[in-house]
Amino acid sequence: MQMRSELKDLLKTPEDEWYDGKITRHDHFSDLKDIDVALDSVPEQFKVEDRCRYTESCFGHFLRMDLRMKFSGSIVHRLLLRELHHDGPEDEMRFMLGPRSVRFSKVEFCLITGLKFGVIPDTTRYEMVQNGIHQWYFNGVAEVDYEQLRDVLRIGVFEEQYDAVKLCLLYMLN
């Protein structure tokens, strides 16, 4: 293990250049309420299955978050000040925490978020599905913005089973 003084030489931001930062938070915890309400608007015979399908998705764990949770930008800022230069993989970060060097890589990211890495599908081509959610809820317009999507969720009237799930997943991606 490297000694603390050796780690200090690897800091990307030397300690004498550290500063207090003001962090502006841009979370969208209120959007989770829209998703919860939309999933509750699904017809009774589909409600349990649709909610289950959403909660089993990569975004499902967000619905279990305490919406009163507070984000601490100061903690993130102070952690980033302790980032180290390293010879490890490019997609890995290392930090000096106390006398230790700790890493944050894809492995830790997957453990924390529940998301996985894989091949990114080609999304440059989009073929509109006849009577799909794009055509049904947005009249097939070329682009749908965040507000239009939110409005559809808030209205809470869904034509087919899983439409609410699809729209909620799209909402989270937006």
C-alpha atoms as a PDB file:
ATOM      1  CA  MET A   1       0.000   0.000   0.000  1.00  0.00           C
ATOM      2  CA  GLN A   2       1.254   3.469  -0.850  1.00  0.00           C
ATOM      3  CA  MET A   3       1.959   5.879   1.973  1.00  0.00           C
ATOM      4  CA  ARG A   4      -0.235   8.979   2.327  1.00  0.00           C
ATOM      5  CA  SER A   5       2.621  11.342   1.384  1.00  0.00           C
ATOM      6  CA  GLU A   6       3.191   9.367  -1.830  1.00  0.00           C
ATOM      7  CA  LEU A   7      -0.535   9.527  -2.602  1.00  0.00           C
ATOM      8  CA  LYS A   8      -0.533  13.304  -2.139  1.00  0.00           C
ATOM      9  CA  ASP A   9       1.954  13.531  -5.015  1.00  0.00           C
ATOM     10  CA  LEU A  10      -0.634  11.832  -7.244  1.00  0.00           C
ATOM     11  CA  LEU A  11      -3.510  14.228  -6.475  1.00  0.00           C
ATOM     12  CA  LYS A  12      -4.990  15.809  -9.608  1.00  0.00           C
ATOM     13  CA  THR A  13      -5.747  18.920  -7.537  1.00  0.00           C
ATOM     14  CA  PRO A  14      -2.935  19.589  -5.029  1.00  0.00           C
ATOM     15  CA  GLU A  15      -4.182  20.246  -1.480  1.00  0.00           C
ATOM     16  CA  ASP A  16      -3.018  23.865  -1.551  1.00  0.00           C
ATOM     17  CA  GLU A  17      -5.415  24.472  -4.487  1.00  0.00           C
ATOM     18  CA  TRP A  18      -8.479  22.974  -2.787  1.00  0.00           C
ATOM     19  CA  TYR A  19     -11.446  25.304  -2.471  1.00  0.00           C
ATOM     20  CA  ASP A  20     -14.988  25.264  -1.172  1.00  0.00           C
ATOM     21  CA  GLY A  21     -17.425  24.716  -3.978  1.00  0.00           C
ATOM     22  CA  LYS A  22     -21.033  25.710  -4.381  1.00  0.00           C
ATOM     23  CA  ILE A  23     -22.938  22.903  -6.011  1.00  0.00           C
ATOM     24  CA  THR A  24     -26.210  23.404  -7.857  1.00  0.00           C
ATOM     25  CA  ARG A  25     -28.364  20.331  -7.712  1.00  0.00           C
ATOM     26  CA  HIS A  26     -30.325  19.168 -10.737  1.00  0.00           C
ATOM     27  CA  ASP A  27     -32.106  16.057  -9.519  1.00  0.00           C
ATOM     28  CA  HIS A  28     -35.571  15.146 -10.675  1.00  0.00           C
ATOM     29  CA  PHE A  29     -36.952  13.390  -7.610  1.00  0.00           C
ATOM     30  CA  SER A  30     -40.335  15.023  -8.228  1.00  0.00           C
ATOM     31  CA  ASP A  31     -40.538  13.087 -11.520  1.00  0.00           C
ATOM     32  CA  LEU A  32     -40.687   9.881  -9.501  1.00  0.00           C
ATOM     33  CA  LYS A  33     -44.050  10.998  -8.135  1.00  0.00           C
ATOM     34  CA  ASP A  34     -45.347  11.374 -11.722  1.00  0.00           C
ATOM     35  CA  ILE A  35     -44.201   7.828 -12.494  1.00  0.00           C
ATOM     36  CA  ASP A  36     -45.788   6.458  -9.331  1.00  0.00           C
ATOM     37  CA  VAL A  37     -49.109   8.182 -10.125  1.00  0.00           C
ATOM     38  CA  ALA A  38     -49.016   7.006 -13.757  1.00  0.00           C
ATOM     39  CA  LEU A  39     -48.474   3.394 -12.697  1.00  0.00           C
ATOM     40  CA  ASP A  40     -51.386   3.739 -10.264  1.00  0.00           C
ATOM     41  CA  SER A  41     -53.581   5.010 -13.142  1.00  0.00           C
ATOM     42  CA  VAL A  42     -53.303   1.729 -15.038  1.00  0.00           C
ATOM     43  CA  PRO A  43     -56.564  -0.263 -15.184  1.00  0.00           C
ATOM     44  CA  GLU A  44     -56.959  -2.450 -12.089  1.00  0.00           C
ATOM     45  CA  GLN A  45     -56.546  -5.768 -13.930  1.00  0.00           C
ATOM     46  CA  PHE A  46     -53.081  -4.707 -15.193  1.00  0.00           C
ATOM     47  CA  LYS A  47     -51.892  -2.564 -12.271  1.00  0.00           C
ATOM     48  CA  VAL A  48     -49.921  -5.212 -10.344  1.00  0.00           C
ATOM     49  CA  GLU A  49     -48.222  -6.658 -13.422  1.00  0.00           C
ATOM     50  CA  ASP A  50     -47.360  -3.237 -14.900  1.00  0.00           C
ATOM     51  CA  ARG A  51     -45.916  -1.972 -11.610  1.00  0.00           C
ATOM     52  CA  CYS A  52     -43.921  -5.191 -11.253  1.00  0.00           C
ATOM     53  CA  ARG A  53     -42.597  -4.869 -14.813  1.00  0.00           C
ATOM     54  CA  TYR A  54     -41.435  -1.305 -14.085  1.00  0.00           C
ATOM     55  CA  THR A  55     -39.915  -2.078 -10.679  1.00  0.00           C
ATOM     56  CA  GLU A  56     -37.958  -4.973 -12.204  1.00  0.00           C
ATOM     57  CA  SER A  57     -36.461  -2.640 -14.827  1.00  0.00           C
ATOM     58  CA  CYS A  58     -33.124  -0.901 -14.378  1.00  0.00           C
ATOM     59  CA  PHE A  59     -34.973   2.175 -13.053  1.00  0.00           C
ATOM     60  CA  GLY A  60     -37.305   0.382 -10.667  1.00  0.00           C
ATOM     61  CA  HIS A  61     -35.160   0.909  -7.601  1.00  0.00           C
ATOM     62  CA  PHE A  62     -35.684   4.670  -7.880  1.00  0.00           C
ATOM     63  CA  LEU A  63     -39.321   4.206  -6.820  1.00  0.00           C
ATOM     64  CA  ARG A  64     -38.102   2.762  -3.524  1.00  0.00           C
ATOM     65  CA  MET A  65     -36.037   5.872  -2.751  1.00  0.00           C
ATOM     66  CA  ASP A  66     -37.050   8.150   0.060  1.00  0.00           C
ATOM     67  CA  LEU A  67     -38.024  11.291  -1.845  1.00  0.00           C
ATOM     68  CA  ARG A  68     -37.003  13.417   1.130  1.00  0.00           C
ATOM     69  CA  MET A  69     -33.409  12.309   0.579  1.00  0.00           C
ATOM     70  CA  LYS A  70     -30.938  15.172   0.472  1.00  0.00           C
ATOM     71  CA  PHE A  71     -28.108  15.288  -2.033  1.00  0.00           C
ATOM     72  CA  SER A  72     -24.816  16.540  -0.649  1.00  0.00           C
ATOM     73  CA  GLY A  73     -22.940  18.319  -3.394  1.00  0.00           C
ATOM     74  CA  SER A  74     -20.236  19.244  -0.880  1.00  0.00           C
ATOM     75  CA  ILE A  75     -19.409  15.591  -0.283  1.00  0.00           C
ATOM     76  CA  VAL A  76     -19.142  14.943  -4.024  1.00  0.00           C
ATOM     77  CA  HIS A  77     -17.005  18.078  -4.462  1.00  0.00           C
ATOM     78  CA  ARG A  78     -14.639  17.072  -1.650  1.00  0.00           C
ATOM     79  CA  LEU A  79     -14.368  13.559  -3.049  1.00  0.00           C
ATOM     80  CA  LEU A  80     -13.482  14.875  -6.511  1.00  0.00           C
ATOM     81  CA  LEU A  81     -10.782  17.094  -5.000  1.00  0.00           C
ATOM     82  CA  ARG A  82      -9.154  13.875  -3.780  1.00  0.00           C
ATOM     83  CA  GLU A  83      -9.026  12.247  -7.227  1.00  0.00           C
ATOM     84  CA  LEU A  84      -5.651  10.715  -8.054  1.00  0.00           C
ATOM     85  CA  HIS A  85      -3.663  10.299 -11.249  1.00  0.00           C
ATOM     86  CA  HIS A  86      -3.215   6.570 -11.886  1.00  0.00           C
ATOM     87  CA  ASP A  87      -1.956   4.124 -14.486  1.00  0.00           C
ATOM     88  CA  GLY A  88      -5.029   1.897 -14.252  1.00  0.00           C
ATOM     89  CA  PRO A  89      -7.813   1.500 -16.794  1.00  0.00           C
ATOM     90  CA  GLU A  90      -9.160   4.679 -18.377  1.00  0.00           C
ATOM     91  CA  ASP A  91     -12.700   3.969 -17.148  1.00  0.00           C
ATOM     92  CA  GLU A  92     -11.622   3.856 -13.508  1.00  0.00           C
ATOM     93  CA  MET A  93     -11.188   6.630 -10.959  1.00  0.00           C
ATOM     94  CA  ARG A  94      -9.010   6.522  -7.847  1.00  0.00           C
ATOM     95  CA  PHE A  95      -9.330   8.701  -4.768  1.00  0.00           C
ATOM     96  CA  MET A  96      -7.241   9.370  -1.682  1.00  0.00           C
ATOM     97  CA  LEU A  97      -9.448   8.694   1.335  1.00  0.00           C
ATOM     98  CA  GLY A  98      -7.458   8.964   4.535  1.00  0.00           C
ATOM     99  CA  PRO A  99      -4.230   7.035   4.059  1.00  0.00           C
ATOM    100  CA  ARG A 100      -5.680   4.795   1.322  1.00  0.00           C
ATOM    101  CA  SER A 101      -6.151   4.825  -2.412  1.00  0.00           C
ATOM    102  CA  VAL A 102      -9.635   3.583  -3.316  1.00  0.00           C
ATOM    103  CA  ARG A 103     -10.990   2.902  -6.769  1.00  0.00           C
ATOM    104  CA  PHE A 104     -14.311   3.535  -8.451  1.00  0.00           C
ATOM    105  CA  SER A 105     -14.702   1.508 -11.629  1.00  0.00           C
ATOM    106  CA  LYS A 106     -17.441  -0.043 -13.739  1.00  0.00           C
ATOM    107  CA  VAL A 107     -17.669  -2.846 -11.180  1.00  0.00           C
ATOM    108  CA  GLU A 108     -18.490  -0.476  -8.295  1.00  0.00           C
ATOM    109  CA  PHE A 109     -20.813   1.559 -10.524  1.00  0.00           C
ATOM    110  CA  CYS A 110     -22.806  -1.587 -11.395  1.00  0.00           C
ATOM    111  CA  LEU A 111     -22.948  -2.682  -7.757  1.00  0.00           C
ATOM    112  CA  ILE A 112     -24.240   0.696  -6.594  1.00  0.00           C
ATOM    113  CA  THR A 113     -26.702   1.503  -9.389  1.00  0.00           C
ATOM    114  CA  GLY A 114     -27.854  -1.948 -10.444  1.00  0.00           C
ATOM    115  CA  LEU A 115     -27.191  -0.934 -14.063  1.00  0.00           C
ATOM    116  CA  LYS A 116     -25.058  -3.060 -16.366  1.00  0.00           C
ATOM    117  CA  PHE A 117     -22.579  -2.333 -19.141  1.00  0.00           C
ATOM    118  CA  GLY A 118     -22.955  -3.913 -22.539  1.00  0.00           C
ATOM    119  CA  VAL A 119     -23.097  -3.296 -26.253  1.00  0.00           C
ATOM    120  CA  ILE A 120     -24.858  -0.033 -27.060  1.00  0.00           C
ATOM    121  CA  PRO A 121     -27.563  -0.706 -29.638  1.00  0.00           C
ATOM    122  CA  ASP A 122     -27.782   1.377 -32.783  1.00  0.00           C
ATOM    123  CA  THR A 123     -30.596   3.850 -32.167  1.00  0.00           C
ATOM    124  CA  THR A 124     -29.976   6.103 -35.149  1.00  0.00           C
ATOM    125  CA  ARG A 125     -32.735   4.395 -37.131  1.00  0.00           C
ATOM    126  CA  TYR A 126     -36.236   4.465 -35.753  1.00  0.00           C
ATOM    127  CA  GLU A 127     -39.106   2.702 -37.434  1.00  0.00           C
ATOM    128  CA  MET A 128     -42.475   3.833 -36.170  1.00  0.00           C
ATOM    129  CA  VAL A 129     -44.625   0.932 -35.024  1.00  0.00           C
ATOM    130  CA  GLN A 130     -48.181   1.148 -36.297  1.00  0.00           C
ATOM    131  CA  ASN A 131     -50.471   1.993 -33.366  1.00  0.00           C
ATOM    132  CA  GLY A 132     -47.432   2.201 -31.054  1.00  0.00           C
ATOM    133  CA  ILE A 133     -47.049   4.649 -28.176  1.00  0.00           C
ATOM    134  CA  HIS A 134     -45.391   7.244 -30.429  1.00  0.00           C
ATOM    135  CA  GLN A 135     -48.317   7.313 -32.808  1.00  0.00           C
ATOM    136  CA  TRP A 136     -51.060   6.759 -30.210  1.00  0.00           C
ATOM    137  CA  TYR A 137     -50.053   9.302 -27.556  1.00  0.00           C
ATOM    138  CA  PHE A 138     -48.098  11.855 -29.611  1.00  0.00           C
ATOM    139  CA  ASN A 139     -49.814  11.690 -33.038  1.00  0.00           C
ATOM    140  CA  GLY A 140     -46.568  10.500 -34.655  1.00  0.00           C
ATOM    141  CA  VAL A 141     -44.828  13.891 -34.400  1.00  0.00           C
ATOM    142  CA  ALA A 142     -41.104  13.797 -35.193  1.00  0.00           C
ATOM    143  CA  GLU A 143     -39.972  14.942 -31.742  1.00  0.00           C
ATOM    144  CA  VAL A 144     -41.556  14.644 -28.313  1.00  0.00           C
ATOM    145  CA  ASP A 145     -40.326  16.902 -25.532  1.00  0.00           C
ATOM    146  CA  TYR A 146     -40.194  16.320 -21.798  1.00  0.00           C
ATOM    147  CA  GLU A 147     -43.309  18.372 -21.037  1.00  0.00           C
ATOM    148  CA  GLN A 148     -45.430  16.479 -23.584  1.00  0.00           C
ATOM    149  CA  LEU A 149     -44.349  13.174 -22.093  1.00  0.00           C
ATOM    150  CA  ARG A 150     -45.000  14.393 -18.549  1.00  0.00           C
ATOM    151  CA  ASP A 151     -48.473  15.610 -19.562  1.00  0.00           C
ATOM    152  CA  VAL A 152     -49.388  12.188 -20.985  1.00  0.00           C
ATOM    153  CA  LEU A 153     -48.268  10.528 -17.748  1.00  0.00           C
ATOM    154  CA  ARG A 154     -50.223  13.003 -15.629  1.00  0.00           C
ATOM    155  CA  ILE A 155     -53.413  12.458 -17.646  1.00  0.00           C
ATOM    156  CA  GLY A 156     -53.030   8.776 -16.786  1.00  0.00           C
ATOM    157  CA  VAL A 157     -55.187   7.234 -19.510  1.00  0.00           C
ATOM    158  CA  PHE A 158     -53.421   4.303 -21.172  1.00  0.00           C
ATOM    159  CA  GLU A 159     -54.753   2.300 -24.119  1.00  0.00           C
ATOM    160  CA  GLU A 160     -52.807  -0.953 -23.857  1.00  0.00           C
ATOM    161  CA  GLN A 161     -51.190  -2.972 -21.121  1.00  0.00           C
ATOM    162  CA  TYR A 162     -47.551  -1.906 -20.616  1.00  0.00           C
ATOM    163  CA  ASP A 163     -48.091   1.511 -22.258  1.00  0.00           C
ATOM    164  CA  ALA A 164     -47.682   3.161 -18.850  1.00  0.00           C
ATOM    165  CA  VAL A 165     -44.523   1.123 -18.255  1.00  0.00           C
ATOM    166  CA  LYS A 166     -43.050   2.094 -21.637  1.00  0.00           C
ATOM    167  CA  LEU A 167     -43.884   5.764 -21.132  1.00  0.00           C
ATOM    168  CA  CYS A 168     -42.482   5.755 -17.574  1.00  0.00           C
ATOM    169  CA  LEU A 169     -39.230   4.186 -18.779  1.00  0.00           C
ATOM    170  CA  LEU A 170     -39.001   6.791 -21.522  1.00  0.00           C
ATOM    171  CA  TYR A 171     -39.684   9.511 -18.952  1.00  0.00           C
ATOM    172  CA  MET A 172     -36.794   8.316 -16.782  1.00  0.00           C
ATOM    173  CA  LEU A 173     -34.461   8.277 -19.782  1.00  0.00           C
ATOM    174  CA  ASN A 174     -35.458  11.831 -20.616  1.00  0.00           C
END
